[in-house]
Amino acid sequence: MITFSVQDELLRFAGACLLGIPSGLLFDAMRLLRRLIRHNGIAVAAEDLLWVLSVCLMLLMYASAFTEGVFRGYYAIGCLLGFAVYECLFGQPVMRLLTAILHQMAVPMRTIVQRFVLICKKISMRFVKVSEKKEKGKDFYQNRLQRSMKMVYNKQRGIKEGKANGRQRKKP
């Protein structure tokens, strides 16, 4: 059986409390994602479940790395305590900072996207014009072919009757 001293357990509890900081950062990332993209209730519940599972995985990795695989209930309590302290002290300022950064990035991104859309529209209009010209050219050549075939048909018919271009054909 593995035994730890009280000092070792207090250090591990403090480490678990510090594990609450990455949990809080992950939670803030999820909140930021929710601000960027509207979610329905099912998606929010799935994200919360994903967050809980990731925190559990972090606790499991912490227990296997620092306590030789021994997991104690107060590691989870320490992690939740560290998360609560992080959210109370740093949660709102971090979210305000990230929101301000996103708003500052949104203006240039919006202009870039608008210019990209304008370029795409211009390119598509060129393709439309080219295809319209091809359609007009196709009709023009199709009409010429039909007329020329009719003329060839008339010439052949005229030759058979002995007439070429309205005149009588001489017999050899």
N, C-alpha and C. Protein backbone atom coordinates (compact mmCIF):
# COMPACT_ATOMS: atom_id res chain seq x y z
N MET A 1 0.83 -1.18 0.00
CA MET A 1 0.00 0.00 0.00
C MET A 1 0.88 1.24 0.00
N ILE A 2 0.49 2.20 -0.82
CA ILE A 2 1.26 3.43 -0.95
C ILE A 2 0.76 4.41 0.11
N THR A 3 1.67 4.97 0.85
CA THR A 3 1.31 5.97 1.85
C THR A 3 2.02 7.27 1.51
N PHE A 4 1.30 8.34 1.72
CA PHE A 4 1.85 9.67 1.47
C PHE A 4 1.81 10.46 2.76
N SER A 5 2.73 11.38 2.90
CA SER A 5 2.72 12.25 4.08
C SER A 5 1.69 13.35 3.89
N VAL A 6 1.37 14.02 4.94
CA VAL A 6 0.39 15.10 4.89
C VAL A 6 0.90 16.21 3.99
N GLN A 7 2.18 16.48 4.06
CA GLN A 7 2.75 17.52 3.21
C GLN A 7 2.60 17.16 1.73
N ASP A 8 2.85 15.91 1.37
CA ASP A 8 2.67 15.46 -0.01
C ASP A 8 1.21 15.62 -0.45
N GLU A 9 0.29 15.26 0.41
CA GLU A 9 -1.14 15.36 0.07
C GLU A 9 -1.56 16.81 -0.10
N LEU A 10 -1.03 17.71 0.73
CA LEU A 10 -1.36 19.13 0.59
C LEU A 10 -0.80 19.69 -0.72
N LEU A 11 0.38 19.25 -1.09
CA LEU A 11 0.96 19.70 -2.37
C LEU A 11 0.15 19.17 -3.54
N ARG A 12 -0.32 17.95 -3.44
CA ARG A 12 -1.15 17.39 -4.51
C ARG A 12 -2.50 18.09 -4.56
N PHE A 13 -3.04 18.44 -3.42
CA PHE A 13 -4.30 19.19 -3.40
C PHE A 13 -4.10 20.57 -4.05
N ALA A 14 -2.98 21.22 -3.76
CA ALA A 14 -2.69 22.52 -4.37
C ALA A 14 -2.53 22.37 -5.89
N GLY A 15 -1.89 21.27 -6.30
CA GLY A 15 -1.76 21.01 -7.74
C GLY A 15 -3.11 20.80 -8.39
N ALA A 16 -4.01 20.11 -7.69
CA ALA A 16 -5.37 19.91 -8.22
C ALA A 16 -6.11 21.24 -8.29
N CYS A 17 -5.85 22.12 -7.31
CA CYS A 17 -6.47 23.46 -7.37
C CYS A 17 -5.95 24.23 -8.58
N LEU A 18 -4.66 24.09 -8.86
CA LEU A 18 -4.10 24.75 -10.04
C LEU A 18 -4.63 24.15 -11.33
N LEU A 19 -5.07 22.90 -11.27
CA LEU A 19 -5.67 22.27 -12.44
C LEU A 19 -7.01 22.93 -12.81
N GLY A 20 -7.58 23.67 -11.89
CA GLY A 20 -8.81 24.40 -12.17
C GLY A 20 -8.60 25.54 -13.17
N ILE A 21 -7.38 26.04 -13.31
CA ILE A 21 -7.12 27.14 -14.25
C ILE A 21 -7.29 26.68 -15.70
N PRO A 22 -6.66 25.56 -16.12
CA PRO A 22 -6.93 25.11 -17.50
C PRO A 22 -8.39 24.74 -17.72
N SER A 23 -9.05 24.25 -16.66
CA SER A 23 -10.48 23.95 -16.77
C SER A 23 -11.27 25.23 -17.04
N GLY A 24 -10.91 26.29 -16.35
CA GLY A 24 -11.57 27.59 -16.57
C GLY A 24 -11.30 28.15 -17.94
N LEU A 25 -10.06 28.00 -18.42
CA LEU A 25 -9.73 28.48 -19.76
C LEU A 25 -10.52 27.71 -20.82
N LEU A 26 -10.65 26.40 -20.63
CA LEU A 26 -11.44 25.60 -21.55
C LEU A 26 -12.91 26.01 -21.51
N PHE A 27 -13.41 26.30 -20.31
CA PHE A 27 -14.79 26.76 -20.18
C PHE A 27 -14.99 28.11 -20.89
N ASP A 28 -14.02 29.01 -20.74
CA ASP A 28 -14.10 30.30 -21.44
C ASP A 28 -14.05 30.13 -22.94
N ALA A 29 -13.27 29.17 -23.42
CA ALA A 29 -13.23 28.90 -24.86
C ALA A 29 -14.60 28.43 -25.35
N MET A 30 -15.27 27.60 -24.55
CA MET A 30 -16.62 27.14 -24.92
C MET A 30 -17.60 28.31 -24.93
N ARG A 31 -17.48 29.20 -23.93
CA ARG A 31 -18.37 30.37 -23.90
C ARG A 31 -18.12 31.28 -25.10
N LEU A 32 -16.87 31.44 -25.46
CA LEU A 32 -16.54 32.27 -26.62
C LEU A 32 -17.10 31.66 -27.90
N LEU A 33 -17.02 30.36 -28.02
CA LEU A 33 -17.60 29.67 -29.17
C LEU A 33 -19.11 29.89 -29.22
N ARG A 34 -19.76 29.88 -28.07
CA ARG A 34 -21.21 30.12 -28.03
C ARG A 34 -21.54 31.55 -28.44
N ARG A 35 -20.66 32.50 -28.13
CA ARG A 35 -20.91 33.88 -28.54
C ARG A 35 -20.73 34.06 -30.04
N LEU A 36 -19.80 33.32 -30.61
CA LEU A 36 -19.54 33.44 -32.05
C LEU A 36 -20.62 32.76 -32.87
N ILE A 37 -21.02 31.58 -32.45
CA ILE A 37 -21.98 30.78 -33.22
C ILE A 37 -23.16 30.47 -32.32
N ARG A 38 -24.34 30.81 -32.79
CA ARG A 38 -25.55 30.53 -32.02
C ARG A 38 -25.76 29.02 -31.94
N HIS A 39 -26.11 28.55 -30.73
CA HIS A 39 -26.33 27.13 -30.50
C HIS A 39 -27.75 26.89 -30.00
N ASN A 40 -28.28 25.74 -30.31
CA ASN A 40 -29.54 25.35 -29.70
C ASN A 40 -29.24 24.63 -28.40
N GLY A 41 -30.27 24.26 -27.67
CA GLY A 41 -30.09 23.65 -26.36
C GLY A 41 -29.34 22.34 -26.38
N ILE A 42 -29.56 21.54 -27.39
CA ILE A 42 -28.89 20.24 -27.48
C ILE A 42 -27.39 20.43 -27.69
N ALA A 43 -27.00 21.39 -28.52
CA ALA A 43 -25.58 21.64 -28.77
C ALA A 43 -24.90 22.17 -27.50
N VAL A 44 -25.59 23.03 -26.75
CA VAL A 44 -25.03 23.56 -25.51
C VAL A 44 -24.83 22.42 -24.51
N ALA A 45 -25.83 21.54 -24.40
CA ALA A 45 -25.71 20.40 -23.49
C ALA A 45 -24.56 19.49 -23.91
N ALA A 46 -24.39 19.28 -25.22
CA ALA A 46 -23.29 18.45 -25.70
C ALA A 46 -21.94 19.10 -25.39
N GLU A 47 -21.85 20.42 -25.54
CA GLU A 47 -20.60 21.11 -25.21
C GLU A 47 -20.30 21.02 -23.72
N ASP A 48 -21.33 21.19 -22.89
CA ASP A 48 -21.12 21.07 -21.44
C ASP A 48 -20.67 19.66 -21.06
N LEU A 49 -21.27 18.67 -21.67
CA LEU A 49 -20.86 17.29 -21.41
C LEU A 49 -19.42 17.07 -21.85
N LEU A 50 -19.05 17.63 -23.01
CA LEU A 50 -17.68 17.54 -23.49
C LEU A 50 -16.71 18.21 -22.51
N TRP A 51 -17.12 19.35 -21.94
CA TRP A 51 -16.27 20.04 -20.97
C TRP A 51 -16.09 19.19 -19.72
N VAL A 52 -17.18 18.62 -19.20
CA VAL A 52 -17.09 17.78 -18.01
C VAL A 52 -16.19 16.58 -18.27
N LEU A 53 -16.35 15.94 -19.41
CA LEU A 53 -15.51 14.78 -19.74
C LEU A 53 -14.04 15.18 -19.86
N SER A 54 -13.77 16.35 -20.43
CA SER A 54 -12.37 16.78 -20.57
C SER A 54 -11.77 17.10 -19.20
N VAL A 55 -12.54 17.70 -18.30
CA VAL A 55 -12.04 17.96 -16.95
C VAL A 55 -11.77 16.64 -16.23
N CYS A 56 -12.67 15.68 -16.39
CA CYS A 56 -12.44 14.35 -15.78
C CYS A 56 -11.18 13.71 -16.34
N LEU A 57 -10.95 13.86 -17.64
CA LEU A 57 -9.75 13.31 -18.25
C LEU A 57 -8.50 14.01 -17.71
N MET A 58 -8.58 15.33 -17.53
CA MET A 58 -7.44 16.05 -16.95
C MET A 58 -7.16 15.56 -15.53
N LEU A 59 -8.21 15.34 -14.74
CA LEU A 59 -8.02 14.83 -13.39
C LEU A 59 -7.41 13.42 -13.40
N LEU A 60 -7.85 12.62 -14.30
CA LEU A 60 -7.31 11.26 -14.41
C LEU A 60 -5.83 11.30 -14.80
N MET A 61 -5.48 12.15 -15.76
CA MET A 61 -4.07 12.27 -16.15
C MET A 61 -3.24 12.84 -15.00
N TYR A 62 -3.81 13.78 -14.26
CA TYR A 62 -3.11 14.34 -13.10
C TYR A 62 -2.84 13.25 -12.06
N ALA A 63 -3.86 12.44 -11.80
CA ALA A 63 -3.70 11.39 -10.80
C ALA A 63 -2.68 10.36 -11.26
N SER A 64 -2.68 10.02 -12.51
CA SER A 64 -1.71 9.01 -12.98
C SER A 64 -0.30 9.57 -13.07
N ALA A 65 -0.15 10.86 -13.30
CA ALA A 65 1.19 11.42 -13.45
C ALA A 65 1.83 11.80 -12.11
N PHE A 66 1.05 12.36 -11.20
CA PHE A 66 1.65 12.91 -9.98
C PHE A 66 1.38 12.09 -8.72
N THR A 67 0.40 11.22 -8.74
CA THR A 67 0.09 10.47 -7.52
C THR A 67 0.21 8.96 -7.72
N GLU A 68 0.92 8.57 -8.75
CA GLU A 68 1.16 7.16 -9.05
C GLU A 68 -0.14 6.39 -9.24
N GLY A 69 -1.12 7.04 -9.83
CA GLY A 69 -2.38 6.39 -10.16
C GLY A 69 -3.39 6.36 -9.03
N VAL A 70 -3.06 6.92 -7.90
CA VAL A 70 -3.99 6.95 -6.77
C VAL A 70 -4.86 8.19 -6.91
N PHE A 71 -6.17 7.96 -6.98
CA PHE A 71 -7.10 9.09 -7.14
C PHE A 71 -7.86 9.26 -5.83
N ARG A 72 -7.87 10.47 -5.36
CA ARG A 72 -8.61 10.78 -4.15
C ARG A 72 -9.70 11.79 -4.47
N GLY A 73 -10.79 11.74 -3.76
CA GLY A 73 -11.94 12.60 -4.02
C GLY A 73 -11.64 14.07 -3.87
N TYR A 74 -10.72 14.41 -3.00
CA TYR A 74 -10.44 15.83 -2.82
C TYR A 74 -9.61 16.42 -3.95
N TYR A 75 -9.11 15.57 -4.86
CA TYR A 75 -8.49 16.13 -6.07
C TYR A 75 -9.57 16.80 -6.93
N ALA A 76 -10.70 16.15 -7.04
CA ALA A 76 -11.81 16.72 -7.81
C ALA A 76 -12.34 17.98 -7.12
N ILE A 77 -12.42 17.93 -5.78
CA ILE A 77 -12.87 19.12 -5.03
C ILE A 77 -11.89 20.26 -5.22
N GLY A 78 -10.60 19.96 -5.19
CA GLY A 78 -9.58 21.00 -5.41
C GLY A 78 -9.66 21.59 -6.81
N CYS A 79 -9.91 20.73 -7.80
CA CYS A 79 -10.04 21.22 -9.18
C CYS A 79 -11.25 22.14 -9.31
N LEU A 80 -12.37 21.74 -8.72
CA LEU A 80 -13.56 22.60 -8.76
C LEU A 80 -13.34 23.90 -7.99
N LEU A 81 -12.63 23.83 -6.88
CA LEU A 81 -12.31 25.04 -6.13
C LEU A 81 -11.43 25.97 -6.95
N GLY A 82 -10.41 25.42 -7.60
CA GLY A 82 -9.55 26.23 -8.46
C GLY A 82 -10.32 26.83 -9.63
N PHE A 83 -11.25 26.05 -10.19
CA PHE A 83 -12.10 26.56 -11.28
C PHE A 83 -12.96 27.72 -10.79
N ALA A 84 -13.56 27.58 -9.61
CA ALA A 84 -14.41 28.63 -9.06
C ALA A 84 -13.61 29.91 -8.79
N VAL A 85 -12.40 29.75 -8.24
CA VAL A 85 -11.56 30.92 -7.98
C VAL A 85 -11.16 31.59 -9.28
N TYR A 86 -10.81 30.77 -10.29
CA TYR A 86 -10.46 31.34 -11.59
C TYR A 86 -11.63 32.12 -12.18
N GLU A 87 -12.80 31.54 -12.15
CA GLU A 87 -13.96 32.20 -12.75
C GLU A 87 -14.33 33.48 -12.00
N CYS A 88 -14.20 33.47 -10.68
CA CYS A 88 -14.52 34.67 -9.90
C CYS A 88 -13.50 35.79 -10.11
N LEU A 89 -12.24 35.43 -10.21
CA LEU A 89 -11.20 36.45 -10.32
C LEU A 89 -10.88 36.83 -11.77
N PHE A 90 -10.79 35.85 -12.65
CA PHE A 90 -10.28 36.10 -13.99
C PHE A 90 -11.28 35.83 -15.11
N GLY A 91 -12.39 35.18 -14.82
CA GLY A 91 -13.33 34.77 -15.86
C GLY A 91 -13.89 35.93 -16.67
N GLN A 92 -14.45 36.92 -15.98
CA GLN A 92 -15.04 38.06 -16.68
C GLN A 92 -14.01 38.93 -17.39
N PRO A 93 -12.87 39.27 -16.76
CA PRO A 93 -11.87 40.06 -17.51
C PRO A 93 -11.34 39.34 -18.74
N VAL A 94 -11.13 38.04 -18.63
CA VAL A 94 -10.63 37.28 -19.79
C VAL A 94 -11.67 37.30 -20.90
N MET A 95 -12.95 37.11 -20.55
CA MET A 95 -14.00 37.12 -21.58
C MET A 95 -14.14 38.50 -22.22
N ARG A 96 -14.02 39.56 -21.41
CA ARG A 96 -14.08 40.91 -22.00
C ARG A 96 -12.92 41.14 -22.94
N LEU A 97 -11.73 40.69 -22.54
CA LEU A 97 -10.54 40.85 -23.40
C LEU A 97 -10.70 40.07 -24.70
N LEU A 98 -11.13 38.82 -24.61
CA LEU A 98 -11.30 38.01 -25.82
C LEU A 98 -12.41 38.57 -26.71
N THR A 99 -13.49 39.06 -26.11
CA THR A 99 -14.57 39.65 -26.89
C THR A 99 -14.09 40.92 -27.60
N ALA A 100 -13.30 41.75 -26.91
CA ALA A 100 -12.77 42.96 -27.54
C ALA A 100 -11.84 42.60 -28.69
N ILE A 101 -11.01 41.58 -28.50
CA ILE A 101 -10.11 41.14 -29.58
C ILE A 101 -10.93 40.66 -30.77
N LEU A 102 -11.98 39.90 -30.52
CA LEU A 102 -12.82 39.42 -31.62
C LEU A 102 -13.52 40.57 -32.34
N HIS A 103 -13.98 41.56 -31.59
CA HIS A 103 -14.62 42.72 -32.24
C HIS A 103 -13.62 43.49 -33.09
N GLN A 104 -12.38 43.62 -32.60
CA GLN A 104 -11.36 44.30 -33.38
C GLN A 104 -10.99 43.52 -34.64
N MET A 105 -11.02 42.20 -34.54
CA MET A 105 -10.72 41.37 -35.69
C MET A 105 -11.90 41.30 -36.65
N ALA A 106 -13.10 41.54 -36.15
CA ALA A 106 -14.30 41.40 -36.98
C ALA A 106 -14.35 42.46 -38.07
N VAL A 107 -13.93 43.69 -37.78
CA VAL A 107 -14.00 44.76 -38.78
C VAL A 107 -13.11 44.47 -39.98
N PRO A 108 -11.82 44.15 -39.79
CA PRO A 108 -11.01 43.83 -40.97
C PRO A 108 -11.48 42.55 -41.67
N MET A 109 -11.90 41.57 -40.88
CA MET A 109 -12.37 40.33 -41.49
C MET A 109 -13.62 40.58 -42.33
N ARG A 110 -14.51 41.44 -41.84
CA ARG A 110 -15.73 41.75 -42.58
C ARG A 110 -15.39 42.42 -43.91
N THR A 111 -14.43 43.36 -43.90
CA THR A 111 -14.06 44.02 -45.15
C THR A 111 -13.37 43.04 -46.10
N ILE A 112 -12.54 42.16 -45.55
CA ILE A 112 -11.88 41.16 -46.40
C ILE A 112 -12.91 40.24 -47.04
N VAL A 113 -13.87 39.80 -46.26
CA VAL A 113 -14.90 38.90 -46.79
C VAL A 113 -15.76 39.63 -47.82
N GLN A 114 -16.11 40.89 -47.57
CA GLN A 114 -16.90 41.65 -48.54
C GLN A 114 -16.15 41.83 -49.85
N ARG A 115 -14.86 42.12 -49.78
CA ARG A 115 -14.07 42.27 -51.01
C ARG A 115 -13.94 40.94 -51.74
N PHE A 116 -13.78 39.86 -51.00
CA PHE A 116 -13.70 38.55 -51.62
C PHE A 116 -15.00 38.21 -52.34
N VAL A 117 -16.13 38.52 -51.70
CA VAL A 117 -17.43 38.27 -52.33
C VAL A 117 -17.58 39.13 -53.58
N LEU A 118 -17.15 40.39 -53.54
CA LEU A 118 -17.22 41.27 -54.70
C LEU A 118 -16.37 40.73 -55.85
N ILE A 119 -15.18 40.26 -55.56
CA ILE A 119 -14.31 39.68 -56.59
C ILE A 119 -14.96 38.43 -57.19
N CYS A 120 -15.55 37.60 -56.34
CA CYS A 120 -16.22 36.39 -56.84
C CYS A 120 -17.39 36.75 -57.75
N LYS A 121 -18.13 37.80 -57.39
CA LYS A 121 -19.26 38.23 -58.23
C LYS A 121 -18.76 38.73 -59.58
N LYS A 122 -17.67 39.50 -59.59
CA LYS A 122 -17.12 40.00 -60.84
C LYS A 122 -16.65 38.85 -61.73
N ILE A 123 -15.98 37.88 -61.12
CA ILE A 123 -15.51 36.73 -61.88
C ILE A 123 -16.69 35.95 -62.44
N SER A 124 -17.72 35.76 -61.64
CA SER A 124 -18.89 35.02 -62.13
C SER A 124 -19.60 35.78 -63.24
N MET A 125 -19.63 37.11 -63.16
CA MET A 125 -20.26 37.89 -64.23
C MET A 125 -19.46 37.74 -65.53
N ARG A 126 -18.14 37.66 -65.43
CA ARG A 126 -17.34 37.45 -66.64
C ARG A 126 -17.67 36.10 -67.26
N PHE A 127 -17.82 35.09 -66.45
CA PHE A 127 -18.18 33.77 -66.97
C PHE A 127 -19.56 33.81 -67.61
N VAL A 128 -20.47 34.57 -67.01
CA VAL A 128 -21.82 34.68 -67.58
C VAL A 128 -21.76 35.38 -68.93
N LYS A 129 -20.97 36.46 -69.02
CA LYS A 129 -20.85 37.18 -70.29
C LYS A 129 -20.22 36.29 -71.36
N VAL A 130 -19.19 35.56 -70.99
CA VAL A 130 -18.54 34.67 -71.95
C VAL A 130 -19.51 33.60 -72.41
N SER A 131 -20.28 33.04 -71.49
CA SER A 131 -21.24 32.01 -71.90
C SER A 131 -22.35 32.59 -72.76
N GLU A 132 -22.77 33.84 -72.49
CA GLU A 132 -23.77 34.47 -73.33
C GLU A 132 -23.23 34.69 -74.74
N LYS A 133 -21.96 35.12 -74.83
CA LYS A 133 -21.34 35.30 -76.15
C LYS A 133 -21.26 33.98 -76.89
N LYS A 134 -20.93 32.92 -76.17
CA LYS A 134 -20.85 31.61 -76.80
C LYS A 134 -22.21 31.17 -77.29
N GLU A 135 -23.25 31.45 -76.51
CA GLU A 135 -24.60 31.09 -76.93
C GLU A 135 -25.00 31.88 -78.19
N LYS A 136 -24.68 33.18 -78.20
CA LYS A 136 -24.99 33.99 -79.38
C LYS A 136 -24.21 33.48 -80.60
N GLY A 137 -22.92 33.19 -80.40
CA GLY A 137 -22.10 32.67 -81.49
C GLY A 137 -22.60 31.32 -81.95
N LYS A 138 -23.04 30.50 -81.03
CA LYS A 138 -23.56 29.19 -81.37
C LYS A 138 -24.82 29.33 -82.23
N ASP A 139 -25.71 30.24 -81.83
CA ASP A 139 -26.92 30.48 -82.62
C ASP A 139 -26.57 31.01 -84.01
N PHE A 140 -25.59 31.94 -84.06
CA PHE A 140 -25.19 32.52 -85.33
C PHE A 140 -24.67 31.44 -86.28
N TYR A 141 -23.75 30.62 -85.78
CA TYR A 141 -23.19 29.57 -86.63
C TYR A 141 -24.21 28.49 -86.95
N GLN A 142 -25.09 28.20 -86.02
CA GLN A 142 -26.13 27.21 -86.28
C GLN A 142 -27.05 27.72 -87.40
N ASN A 143 -27.40 29.01 -87.35
CA ASN A 143 -28.25 29.58 -88.41
C ASN A 143 -27.53 29.59 -89.75
N ARG A 144 -26.24 29.92 -89.75
CA ARG A 144 -25.48 29.91 -91.01
C ARG A 144 -25.40 28.51 -91.57
N LEU A 145 -25.18 27.52 -90.72
CA LEU A 145 -25.11 26.14 -91.20
C LEU A 145 -26.44 25.71 -91.80
N GLN A 146 -27.51 26.07 -91.16
CA GLN A 146 -28.82 25.69 -91.68
C GLN A 146 -29.07 26.36 -93.02
N ARG A 147 -28.71 27.65 -93.14
CA ARG A 147 -28.91 28.34 -94.41
C ARG A 147 -28.00 27.76 -95.50
N SER A 148 -26.76 27.49 -95.15
CA SER A 148 -25.85 26.98 -96.18
C SER A 148 -26.28 25.59 -96.64
N MET A 149 -26.80 24.78 -95.70
CA MET A 149 -27.28 23.47 -96.12
C MET A 149 -28.47 23.63 -97.07
N LYS A 150 -29.28 24.61 -96.79
CA LYS A 150 -30.44 24.85 -97.66
C LYS A 150 -29.97 25.29 -99.04
N MET A 151 -28.93 26.13 -99.07
CA MET A 151 -28.40 26.57 -100.35
C MET A 151 -27.78 25.40 -101.10
N VAL A 152 -27.05 24.55 -100.38
CA VAL A 152 -26.46 23.39 -101.03
C VAL A 152 -27.57 22.50 -101.56
N TYR A 153 -28.58 22.33 -100.82
CA TYR A 153 -29.71 21.53 -101.25
C TYR A 153 -30.34 22.12 -102.51
N ASN A 154 -30.48 23.46 -102.54
CA ASN A 154 -31.06 24.10 -103.71
C ASN A 154 -30.14 23.97 -104.92
N LYS A 155 -28.84 24.09 -104.71
CA LYS A 155 -27.93 23.96 -105.83
C LYS A 155 -27.98 22.56 -106.39
N GLN A 156 -27.96 21.58 -105.51
CA GLN A 156 -28.01 20.21 -106.00
C GLN A 156 -29.33 19.96 -106.71
N ARG A 157 -30.34 20.49 -106.21
CA ARG A 157 -31.65 20.31 -106.83
C ARG A 157 -31.67 20.99 -108.19
N GLY A 158 -31.05 22.20 -108.22
CA GLY A 158 -31.01 22.93 -109.49
C GLY A 158 -30.18 22.20 -110.52
N ILE A 159 -29.13 21.54 -110.11
CA ILE A 159 -28.28 20.80 -111.04
C ILE A 159 -29.05 19.62 -111.59
N LYS A 160 -29.79 18.95 -110.77
CA LYS A 160 -30.54 17.80 -111.22
C LYS A 160 -31.60 18.21 -112.23
N GLU A 161 -32.15 19.37 -112.06
CA GLU A 161 -33.17 19.82 -112.99
C GLU A 161 -32.55 20.43 -114.24
N GLY A 162 -31.25 20.63 -114.21
CA GLY A 162 -30.59 21.20 -115.37
C GLY A 162 -30.46 22.70 -115.28
N LYS A 163 -30.71 23.27 -114.12
CA LYS A 163 -30.61 24.72 -113.96
C LYS A 163 -29.54 25.02 -112.93
N ALA A 164 -28.71 26.00 -113.18
CA ALA A 164 -27.70 26.43 -112.23
C ALA A 164 -27.84 27.92 -112.05
N ASN A 165 -28.13 28.36 -110.87
CA ASN A 165 -28.29 29.76 -110.52
C ASN A 165 -29.30 30.47 -111.41
N GLY A 166 -30.36 29.82 -111.71
CA GLY A 166 -31.40 30.46 -112.49
C GLY A 166 -31.18 30.40 -114.00
N ARG A 167 -30.07 29.89 -114.50
CA ARG A 167 -29.83 29.78 -115.94
C ARG A 167 -29.90 28.33 -116.36
N GLN A 168 -30.11 28.14 -117.59
CA GLN A 168 -30.13 26.78 -118.15
C GLN A 168 -28.72 26.26 -118.25
N ARG A 169 -28.55 25.03 -117.93
CA ARG A 169 -27.23 24.42 -118.00
C ARG A 169 -27.03 23.83 -119.38
N LYS A 170 -25.85 24.05 -119.89
CA LYS A 170 -25.55 23.52 -121.21
C LYS A 170 -25.20 22.06 -121.09
N LYS A 171 -25.69 21.31 -122.04
CA LYS A 171 -25.38 19.90 -122.06
C LYS A 171 -24.14 19.68 -122.88
N PRO A 172 -23.22 18.86 -122.47
CA PRO A 172 -22.00 18.64 -123.26
C PRO A 172 -22.19 17.72 -124.44
